[in-house]
C-alpha atoms as a PDB file:
ATOM      1  CA  MET A   1       0.622  -0.046  -0.095  1.00  0.00           C
ATOM      2  CA  THR A   2       1.210   3.384  -0.525  1.00  0.00           C
ATOM      3  CA  VAL A   3       0.796   6.064   1.574  1.00  0.00           C
ATOM      4  CA  PHE A   4      -1.773   7.750  -0.856  1.00  0.00           C
ATOM      5  CA  GLN A   5      -4.063   4.565  -0.039  1.00  0.00           C
ATOM      6  CA  LYS A   6      -6.468   4.721   2.281  1.00  0.00           C
ATOM      7  CA  PRO A   7      -7.802   0.546   3.650  1.00  0.00           C
ATOM      8  CA  LEU A   8     -10.844  -0.035   2.427  1.00  0.00           C
ATOM      9  CA  ARG A   9     -13.910  -0.254   5.650  1.00  0.00           C
ATOM     10  CA  THR A  10     -14.982  -3.215   6.410  1.00  0.00           C
ATOM     11  CA  TYR A  11     -18.622  -3.721   6.695  1.00  0.00           C
ATOM     12  CA  LYS A  12     -18.525  -5.695   9.733  1.00  0.00           C
ATOM     13  CA  ASP A  13     -20.310  -3.560  12.150  1.00  0.00           C
ATOM     14  CA  HIS A  14     -23.127  -2.518   9.535  1.00  0.00           C
ATOM     15  CA  MET A  15     -24.469  -3.028   6.344  1.00  0.00           C
ATOM     16  CA  ILE A  16     -26.851  -3.031   3.628  1.00  0.00           C
ATOM     17  CA  GLU A  17     -26.339  -5.520   1.118  1.00  0.00           C
ATOM     18  CA  ARG A  18     -28.823  -6.594  -2.131  1.00  0.00           C
ATOM     19  CA  GLU A  19     -28.396  -8.715  -5.016  1.00  0.00           C
ATOM     20  CA  TYR A  20     -29.973  -7.152  -8.287  1.00  0.00           C
ATOM     21  CA  THR A  21     -29.491  -8.498 -12.157  1.00  0.00           C
ATOM     22  CA  ILE A  22     -29.141  -6.482 -15.038  1.00  0.00           C
ATOM     23  CA  VAL A  23     -31.994  -6.010 -16.780  1.00  0.00           C
ATOM     24  CA  ASN A  24     -31.207  -2.730 -20.085  1.00  0.00           C
ATOM     25  CA  LYS A  25     -29.941  -4.693 -23.305  1.00  0.00           C
ATOM     26  CA  LEU A  26     -26.400  -2.782 -23.031  1.00  0.00           C
ATOM     27  CA  GLY A  27     -25.626  -3.831 -19.152  1.00  0.00           C
ATOM     28  CA  LEU A  28     -23.242  -1.662 -17.761  1.00  0.00           C
ATOM     29  CA  HIS A  29     -21.773   0.273 -20.065  1.00  0.00           C
ATOM     30  CA  ALA A  30     -20.026   4.224 -19.863  1.00  0.00           C
ATOM     31  CA  ARG A  31     -23.495   5.721 -19.523  1.00  0.00           C
ATOM     32  CA  ALA A  32     -24.792   3.639 -17.272  1.00  0.00           C
ATOM     33  CA  SER A  33     -22.361   3.677 -14.836  1.00  0.00           C
ATOM     34  CA  ALA A  34     -21.747   7.801 -15.496  1.00  0.00           C
ATOM     35  CA  LEU A  35     -25.854   7.629 -13.770  1.00  0.00           C
ATOM     36  CA  PHE A  36     -25.075   4.982 -11.109  1.00  0.00           C
ATOM     37  CA  VAL A  37     -21.682   7.095  -9.505  1.00  0.00           C
ATOM     38  CA  LYS A  38     -23.586  10.434 -10.373  1.00  0.00           C
ATOM     39  CA  THR A  39     -26.017   9.577  -8.331  1.00  0.00           C
ATOM     40  CA  ALA A  40     -23.860   7.300  -5.407  1.00  0.00           C
ATOM     41  CA  ASN A  41     -21.950  10.633  -5.281  1.00  0.00           C
ATOM     42  CA  ARG A  42     -25.110  12.455  -3.756  1.00  0.00           C
ATOM     43  CA  PHE A  43     -25.236  10.237  -0.526  1.00  0.00           C
ATOM     44  CA  SER A  44     -22.286  10.390   1.976  1.00  0.00           C
ATOM     45  CA  SER A  45     -22.339   6.340   2.910  1.00  0.00           C
ATOM     46  CA  GLU A  46     -19.348   4.326   1.242  1.00  0.00           C
ATOM     47  CA  ILE A  47     -21.196   2.376  -1.526  1.00  0.00           C
ATOM     48  CA  LYS A  48     -19.437  -0.667  -3.164  1.00  0.00           C
ATOM     49  CA  MET A  49     -20.622  -2.513  -6.438  1.00  0.00           C
ATOM     50  CA  GLU A  50     -19.478  -6.315  -6.758  1.00  0.00           C
ATOM     51  CA  ARG A  51     -19.711  -8.891  -9.300  1.00  0.00           C
ATOM     52  CA  GLU A  52     -17.734 -12.830  -9.297  1.00  0.00           C
ATOM     53  CA  GLY A  53     -15.750 -11.654  -6.508  1.00  0.00           C
ATOM     54  CA  ILE A  54     -14.254  -8.750  -7.880  1.00  0.00           C
ATOM     55  CA  GLU A  55     -15.882  -5.489  -5.253  1.00  0.00           C
ATOM     56  CA  VAL A  56     -14.739  -1.665  -6.738  1.00  0.00           C
ATOM     57  CA  ASN A  57     -15.764   1.341  -5.507  1.00  0.00           C
ATOM     58  CA  GLY A  58     -19.398   1.837  -6.412  1.00  0.00           C
ATOM     59  CA  LYS A  59     -18.511   5.726  -6.983  1.00  0.00           C
ATOM     60  CA  SER A  60     -15.562   5.323  -9.363  1.00  0.00           C
ATOM     61  CA  ILE A  61     -16.823   4.752 -13.341  1.00  0.00           C
ATOM     62  CA  MET A  62     -13.442   3.063 -14.098  1.00  0.00           C
ATOM     63  CA  GLY A  63     -13.765   0.093 -10.968  1.00  0.00           C
ATOM     64  CA  ILE A  64     -17.654  -0.198 -12.070  1.00  0.00           C
ATOM     65  CA  MET A  65     -16.715  -0.358 -15.647  1.00  0.00           C
ATOM     66  CA  MET A  66     -14.331  -2.581 -15.266  1.00  0.00           C
ATOM     67  CA  LEU A  67     -16.471  -5.234 -14.156  1.00  0.00           C
ATOM     68  CA  ALA A  68     -18.184  -5.307 -17.153  1.00  0.00           C
ATOM     69  CA  ALA A  69     -21.194  -6.551 -16.408  1.00  0.00           C
ATOM     70  CA  GLY A  70     -23.700  -7.239 -19.590  1.00  0.00           C
ATOM     71  CA  LYS A  71     -27.627  -7.803 -19.339  1.00  0.00           C
ATOM     72  CA  GLY A  72     -27.983 -10.857 -16.858  1.00  0.00           C
ATOM     73  CA  CYS A  73     -25.293 -10.229 -14.946  1.00  0.00           C
ATOM     74  CA  THR A  74     -25.901 -10.349 -10.780  1.00  0.00           C
ATOM     75  CA  ILE A  75     -24.258  -7.241  -8.994  1.00  0.00           C
ATOM     76  CA  ASN A  76     -24.338  -7.044  -5.231  1.00  0.00           C
ATOM     77  CA  ILE A  77     -24.675  -3.459  -4.168  1.00  0.00           C
ATOM     78  CA  LYS A  78     -23.291  -2.472  -0.583  1.00  0.00           C
ATOM     79  CA  THR A  79     -24.172   0.879   1.325  1.00  0.00           C
ATOM     80  CA  ALA A  80     -22.217   1.523   4.914  1.00  0.00           C
ATOM     81  CA  GLY A  81     -22.772   5.259   7.036  1.00  0.00           C
ATOM     82  CA  ALA A  82     -25.572   7.839   7.801  1.00  0.00           C
ATOM     83  CA  ASP A  83     -28.003   6.751   4.525  1.00  0.00           C
ATOM     84  CA  GLU A  84     -27.053   3.833   3.768  1.00  0.00           C
ATOM     85  CA  ALA A  85     -30.923   3.040   3.543  1.00  0.00           C
ATOM     86  CA  GLU A  86     -31.949   5.837   0.993  1.00  0.00           C
ATOM     87  CA  ALA A  87     -28.908   4.879  -1.255  1.00  0.00           C
ATOM     88  CA  MET A  88     -29.419   1.296  -1.451  1.00  0.00           C
ATOM     89  CA  GLU A  89     -33.372   2.367  -2.342  1.00  0.00           C
ATOM     90  CA  ALA A  90     -31.502   5.411  -5.034  1.00  0.00           C
ATOM     91  CA  LEU A  91     -29.488   3.163  -5.980  1.00  0.00           C
ATOM     92  CA  GLY A  92     -31.827  -0.861  -6.788  1.00  0.00           C
ATOM     93  CA  GLU A  93     -34.313   1.348  -8.194  1.00  0.00           C
ATOM     94  CA  LEU A  94     -31.831   2.392 -10.985  1.00  0.00           C
ATOM     95  CA  VAL A  95     -30.536  -1.194 -11.968  1.00  0.00           C
ATOM     96  CA  ALA A  96     -34.090  -2.316 -11.316  1.00  0.00           C
ATOM     97  CA  ASN A  97     -35.746   0.023 -14.265  1.00  0.00           C
ATOM     98  CA  GLY A  98     -32.702  -0.733 -16.670  1.00  0.00           C
ATOM     99  CA  PHE A  99     -31.531   2.963 -15.964  1.00  0.00           C
ATOM    100  CA  GLY A 100     -34.021   4.472 -17.568  1.00  0.00           C
ATOM    101  CA  GLU A 101     -33.570   2.532 -20.912  1.00  0.00           C
ATOM    102  CA  ASP A 102     -35.392   0.902 -23.303  1.00  0.00           C
END
């Protein structure tokens, strides 16, 4: 670990974790990832996204796109912090509604 890296917080004390299936045709492409990050950044809670054992910062577009989650993929979203329930509700709704795409 370099001087500039902060250790990731562990979720042992409290967190919300939910599983979602990507339903939009193009999956987590650039626009969908950007919309997720924009929504996530409205909240102070720590937000993580996980796919097949790889966990990334839910407020990082590069991290989310690295997951390469296409239509039908299952992802886990984890939120921890003061507004974790509101964050999970907003992000879950976004994913479930296909990021507003047809």
